[in-house]
Amino acid sequence: MPDKQTLAVNILDKEYLVAGPGEAGHELERSARYLDSKMREIRASGRVFGVERIAVMAALNIAHDMLQKNTMPASASNLLDDMDQRLTQALDNPSADPKK
């Protein structure tokens, strides 16, 4: 069984402690840096406010990128595209009904 280690990563200037296999530390750090850069891009756009919303948009963008590279099934791609559209609409017009 691989040794577990706790790694501190910084995302949007906040430190998170993440447990994982010792040999995965470099990949985990790289993933955290990538997520941090995506979240910073979204925050810099000035269209999305709040860390939670920024995180969701970053996750959707990363998932979308993965889908574009054919690393996920088409059904997941369609679902995420629909979610991305709805979130973008909701963020652009928070008082609108998202089901329309």
N, C-alpha and C. Protein backbone atom coordinates (compact mmCIF):
# COMPACT_ATOMS: atom_id res chain seq x y z
N MET A 1 0.85 -1.18 0.00
CA MET A 1 0.00 0.00 0.00
C MET A 1 0.89 1.24 0.00
N PRO A 2 0.65 2.21 -0.91
CA PRO A 2 1.49 3.41 -0.96
C PRO A 2 1.35 4.26 0.30
N ASP A 3 2.43 4.93 0.63
CA ASP A 3 2.41 5.84 1.79
C ASP A 3 1.54 7.04 1.47
N LYS A 4 0.77 7.45 2.47
CA LYS A 4 -0.05 8.66 2.32
C LYS A 4 0.75 9.83 2.87
N GLN A 5 0.57 10.97 2.24
CA GLN A 5 1.18 12.19 2.75
C GLN A 5 0.19 13.32 2.59
N THR A 6 0.33 14.33 3.42
CA THR A 6 -0.51 15.51 3.32
C THR A 6 0.30 16.59 2.64
N LEU A 7 -0.30 17.19 1.63
CA LEU A 7 0.36 18.22 0.86
C LEU A 7 -0.44 19.51 0.98
N ALA A 8 0.24 20.61 1.19
CA ALA A 8 -0.41 21.92 1.23
C ALA A 8 -0.36 22.53 -0.16
N VAL A 9 -1.53 22.91 -0.68
CA VAL A 9 -1.59 23.59 -1.97
C VAL A 9 -2.32 24.91 -1.78
N ASN A 10 -1.96 25.88 -2.60
CA ASN A 10 -2.60 27.19 -2.53
C ASN A 10 -3.43 27.42 -3.78
N ILE A 11 -4.69 27.77 -3.55
CA ILE A 11 -5.60 28.07 -4.64
C ILE A 11 -6.32 29.36 -4.29
N LEU A 12 -6.17 30.35 -5.15
CA LEU A 12 -6.71 31.70 -4.92
C LEU A 12 -6.31 32.21 -3.54
N ASP A 13 -5.04 32.10 -3.24
CA ASP A 13 -4.43 32.63 -2.02
C ASP A 13 -4.93 31.97 -0.74
N LYS A 14 -5.53 30.81 -0.87
CA LYS A 14 -5.98 30.08 0.31
C LYS A 14 -5.29 28.71 0.31
N GLU A 15 -4.82 28.31 1.49
CA GLU A 15 -4.12 27.03 1.59
C GLU A 15 -5.10 25.90 1.89
N TYR A 16 -4.93 24.80 1.17
CA TYR A 16 -5.72 23.59 1.38
C TYR A 16 -4.77 22.44 1.65
N LEU A 17 -5.10 21.60 2.63
CA LEU A 17 -4.33 20.41 2.91
C LEU A 17 -5.02 19.24 2.23
N VAL A 18 -4.26 18.53 1.39
CA VAL A 18 -4.81 17.44 0.61
C VAL A 18 -4.00 16.18 0.89
N ALA A 19 -4.70 15.10 1.23
CA ALA A 19 -4.03 13.83 1.47
C ALA A 19 -4.02 13.02 0.19
N GLY A 20 -2.91 12.36 -0.05
CA GLY A 20 -2.81 11.52 -1.24
C GLY A 20 -1.58 10.65 -1.16
N PRO A 21 -1.43 9.76 -2.13
CA PRO A 21 -0.25 8.91 -2.15
C PRO A 21 1.01 9.75 -2.30
N GLY A 22 2.05 9.37 -1.58
CA GLY A 22 3.29 10.14 -1.59
C GLY A 22 3.86 10.37 -2.97
N GLU A 23 3.77 9.35 -3.83
CA GLU A 23 4.34 9.49 -5.17
C GLU A 23 3.53 10.39 -6.09
N ALA A 24 2.32 10.77 -5.69
CA ALA A 24 1.46 11.62 -6.51
C ALA A 24 1.62 13.10 -6.19
N GLY A 25 2.54 13.44 -5.30
CA GLY A 25 2.70 14.82 -4.87
C GLY A 25 2.93 15.81 -5.99
N HIS A 26 3.80 15.46 -6.93
CA HIS A 26 4.10 16.39 -8.03
C HIS A 26 2.88 16.60 -8.93
N GLU A 27 2.15 15.51 -9.19
CA GLU A 27 0.96 15.64 -10.02
C GLU A 27 -0.11 16.47 -9.31
N LEU A 28 -0.23 16.28 -8.01
CA LEU A 28 -1.21 17.03 -7.23
C LEU A 28 -0.86 18.52 -7.21
N GLU A 29 0.41 18.83 -7.03
CA GLU A 29 0.84 20.23 -7.07
C GLU A 29 0.58 20.84 -8.44
N ARG A 30 0.87 20.08 -9.48
CA ARG A 30 0.65 20.56 -10.84
C ARG A 30 -0.84 20.81 -11.08
N SER A 31 -1.68 19.89 -10.61
CA SER A 31 -3.13 20.06 -10.74
C SER A 31 -3.61 21.30 -10.00
N ALA A 32 -3.09 21.51 -8.80
CA ALA A 32 -3.49 22.68 -8.00
C ALA A 32 -3.07 23.97 -8.70
N ARG A 33 -1.88 23.99 -9.27
CA ARG A 33 -1.43 25.19 -10.00
C ARG A 33 -2.33 25.47 -11.21
N TYR A 34 -2.71 24.40 -11.90
CA TYR A 34 -3.58 24.55 -13.06
C TYR A 34 -4.95 25.09 -12.65
N LEU A 35 -5.53 24.51 -11.59
CA LEU A 35 -6.82 24.98 -11.09
C LEU A 35 -6.71 26.43 -10.64
N ASP A 36 -5.65 26.76 -9.93
CA ASP A 36 -5.43 28.13 -9.47
C ASP A 36 -5.39 29.10 -10.65
N SER A 37 -4.68 28.73 -11.71
CA SER A 37 -4.59 29.63 -12.87
C SER A 37 -5.94 29.80 -13.55
N LYS A 38 -6.71 28.71 -13.66
CA LYS A 38 -8.05 28.81 -14.27
C LYS A 38 -8.97 29.69 -13.43
N MET A 39 -8.91 29.51 -12.10
CA MET A 39 -9.76 30.32 -11.23
C MET A 39 -9.36 31.78 -11.27
N ARG A 40 -8.08 32.06 -11.36
CA ARG A 40 -7.61 33.45 -11.46
C ARG A 40 -8.07 34.10 -12.77
N GLU A 41 -8.05 33.33 -13.86
CA GLU A 41 -8.54 33.84 -15.14
C GLU A 41 -10.01 34.25 -15.04
N ILE A 42 -10.80 33.39 -14.41
CA ILE A 42 -12.23 33.66 -14.27
C ILE A 42 -12.45 34.86 -13.37
N ARG A 43 -11.73 34.92 -12.26
CA ARG A 43 -11.88 36.07 -11.35
C ARG A 43 -11.48 37.36 -12.05
N ALA A 44 -10.42 37.32 -12.86
CA ALA A 44 -9.93 38.51 -13.56
C ALA A 44 -10.92 39.00 -14.61
N SER A 45 -11.77 38.10 -15.11
CA SER A 45 -12.74 38.52 -16.12
C SER A 45 -13.73 39.53 -15.55
N GLY A 46 -13.94 39.48 -14.22
CA GLY A 46 -14.85 40.42 -13.57
C GLY A 46 -16.31 40.06 -13.73
N ARG A 47 -16.61 38.91 -14.35
CA ARG A 47 -18.00 38.52 -14.59
C ARG A 47 -18.54 37.60 -13.50
N VAL A 48 -17.65 36.97 -12.75
CA VAL A 48 -18.07 35.98 -11.76
C VAL A 48 -17.54 36.41 -10.40
N PHE A 49 -18.41 36.41 -9.40
CA PHE A 49 -18.02 36.82 -8.06
C PHE A 49 -18.27 35.68 -7.09
N GLY A 50 -17.42 35.58 -6.12
CA GLY A 50 -17.54 34.54 -5.10
C GLY A 50 -16.69 33.34 -5.45
N VAL A 51 -15.94 32.88 -4.47
CA VAL A 51 -15.01 31.78 -4.69
C VAL A 51 -15.75 30.52 -5.14
N GLU A 52 -16.90 30.26 -4.56
CA GLU A 52 -17.65 29.05 -4.93
C GLU A 52 -18.06 29.08 -6.40
N ARG A 53 -18.58 30.20 -6.85
CA ARG A 53 -18.98 30.32 -8.26
C ARG A 53 -17.77 30.25 -9.18
N ILE A 54 -16.68 30.87 -8.77
CA ILE A 54 -15.46 30.81 -9.57
C ILE A 54 -14.99 29.36 -9.68
N ALA A 55 -15.05 28.62 -8.58
CA ALA A 55 -14.63 27.21 -8.58
C ALA A 55 -15.51 26.38 -9.49
N VAL A 56 -16.82 26.61 -9.45
CA VAL A 56 -17.74 25.85 -10.31
C VAL A 56 -17.45 26.16 -11.78
N MET A 57 -17.27 27.41 -12.11
CA MET A 57 -16.99 27.77 -13.50
C MET A 57 -15.65 27.18 -13.95
N ALA A 58 -14.66 27.20 -13.07
CA ALA A 58 -13.36 26.61 -13.42
C ALA A 58 -13.52 25.11 -13.66
N ALA A 59 -14.27 24.45 -12.79
CA ALA A 59 -14.49 23.01 -12.94
C ALA A 59 -15.20 22.72 -14.27
N LEU A 60 -16.20 23.52 -14.60
CA LEU A 60 -16.89 23.32 -15.87
C LEU A 60 -15.97 23.55 -17.06
N ASN A 61 -15.15 24.59 -16.98
CA ASN A 61 -14.22 24.86 -18.07
C ASN A 61 -13.20 23.73 -18.23
N ILE A 62 -12.69 23.23 -17.12
CA ILE A 62 -11.72 22.13 -17.18
C ILE A 62 -12.39 20.88 -17.75
N ALA A 63 -13.62 20.59 -17.28
CA ALA A 63 -14.35 19.44 -17.81
C ALA A 63 -14.60 19.60 -19.31
N HIS A 64 -14.95 20.80 -19.70
CA HIS A 64 -15.19 21.07 -21.12
C HIS A 64 -13.93 20.84 -21.93
N ASP A 65 -12.80 21.31 -21.44
CA ASP A 65 -11.52 21.09 -22.12
C ASP A 65 -11.24 19.59 -22.27
N MET A 66 -11.52 18.84 -21.22
CA MET A 66 -11.31 17.39 -21.28
C MET A 66 -12.21 16.76 -22.34
N LEU A 67 -13.45 17.22 -22.39
CA LEU A 67 -14.39 16.69 -23.36
C LEU A 67 -13.95 17.01 -24.79
N GLN A 68 -13.41 18.18 -24.98
CA GLN A 68 -12.93 18.56 -26.31
C GLN A 68 -11.79 17.67 -26.77
N LYS A 69 -11.07 17.12 -25.81
CA LYS A 69 -9.95 16.22 -26.12
C LYS A 69 -10.41 14.76 -26.15
N ASN A 70 -11.74 14.56 -26.15
CA ASN A 70 -12.34 13.23 -26.21
C ASN A 70 -11.90 12.31 -25.09
N THR A 71 -11.77 12.85 -23.89
CA THR A 71 -11.41 12.01 -22.76
C THR A 71 -12.62 11.65 -21.92
N MET A 72 -13.82 12.10 -22.34
CA MET A 72 -15.05 11.77 -21.63
C MET A 72 -16.11 11.39 -22.66
N PRO A 73 -17.11 10.62 -22.26
CA PRO A 73 -18.16 10.22 -23.20
C PRO A 73 -18.98 11.42 -23.70
N ALA A 74 -19.58 11.26 -24.87
CA ALA A 74 -20.38 12.32 -25.49
C ALA A 74 -21.56 12.72 -24.61
N SER A 75 -22.18 11.78 -23.92
CA SER A 75 -23.32 12.11 -23.06
C SER A 75 -22.90 13.09 -21.96
N ALA A 76 -21.71 12.88 -21.40
CA ALA A 76 -21.21 13.80 -20.38
C ALA A 76 -20.91 15.16 -21.00
N SER A 77 -20.42 15.14 -22.21
CA SER A 77 -20.12 16.39 -22.92
C SER A 77 -21.39 17.22 -23.11
N ASN A 78 -22.46 16.58 -23.55
CA ASN A 78 -23.72 17.29 -23.75
C ASN A 78 -24.26 17.85 -22.45
N LEU A 79 -24.21 17.05 -21.39
CA LEU A 79 -24.69 17.49 -20.09
C LEU A 79 -23.88 18.70 -19.60
N LEU A 80 -22.56 18.63 -19.71
CA LEU A 80 -21.73 19.73 -19.25
C LEU A 80 -21.90 20.98 -20.11
N ASP A 81 -22.09 20.80 -21.41
CA ASP A 81 -22.34 21.96 -22.27
C ASP A 81 -23.63 22.66 -21.84
N ASP A 82 -24.67 21.87 -21.55
CA ASP A 82 -25.94 22.43 -21.10
C ASP A 82 -25.77 23.16 -19.76
N MET A 83 -25.05 22.53 -18.82
CA MET A 83 -24.80 23.17 -17.51
C MET A 83 -24.01 24.46 -17.69
N ASP A 84 -23.03 24.44 -18.57
CA ASP A 84 -22.21 25.62 -18.81
C ASP A 84 -23.06 26.76 -19.34
N GLN A 85 -23.96 26.45 -20.28
CA GLN A 85 -24.86 27.47 -20.82
C GLN A 85 -25.75 28.06 -19.74
N ARG A 86 -26.34 27.18 -18.94
CA ARG A 86 -27.24 27.65 -17.88
C ARG A 86 -26.51 28.49 -16.84
N LEU A 87 -25.31 28.06 -16.45
CA LEU A 87 -24.55 28.84 -15.48
C LEU A 87 -24.15 30.20 -16.04
N THR A 88 -23.72 30.21 -17.30
CA THR A 88 -23.34 31.48 -17.93
C THR A 88 -24.54 32.43 -17.96
N GLN A 89 -25.71 31.91 -18.33
CA GLN A 89 -26.92 32.74 -18.36
C GLN A 89 -27.27 33.24 -16.97
N ALA A 90 -27.18 32.36 -15.98
CA ALA A 90 -27.52 32.75 -14.61
C ALA A 90 -26.56 33.80 -14.08
N LEU A 91 -25.29 33.67 -14.43
CA LEU A 91 -24.30 34.65 -13.96
C LEU A 91 -24.45 35.98 -14.68
N ASP A 92 -24.83 35.91 -15.95
CA ASP A 92 -25.03 37.14 -16.72
C ASP A 92 -26.29 37.89 -16.28
N ASN A 93 -27.30 37.13 -15.83
CA ASN A 93 -28.58 37.74 -15.44
C ASN A 93 -29.11 36.98 -14.22
N PRO A 94 -28.61 37.29 -13.02
CA PRO A 94 -28.97 36.54 -11.83
C PRO A 94 -30.46 36.55 -11.47
N SER A 95 -31.23 37.50 -11.97
CA SER A 95 -32.65 37.56 -11.62
C SER A 95 -33.52 36.76 -12.58
N ALA A 96 -32.94 36.23 -13.66
CA ALA A 96 -33.70 35.47 -14.66
C ALA A 96 -33.97 34.06 -14.17
N ASP A 97 -35.04 33.46 -14.67
CA ASP A 97 -35.38 32.08 -14.35
C ASP A 97 -34.48 31.16 -15.16
N PRO A 98 -33.62 30.31 -14.53
CA PRO A 98 -32.66 29.47 -15.26
C PRO A 98 -33.30 28.36 -16.05
N LYS A 99 -34.59 28.06 -15.83
CA LYS A 99 -35.23 26.96 -16.54
C LYS A 99 -35.76 27.39 -17.89
N LYS A 100 -35.72 28.66 -18.19
CA LYS A 100 -36.23 29.15 -19.49
C LYS A 100 -35.16 29.03 -20.54
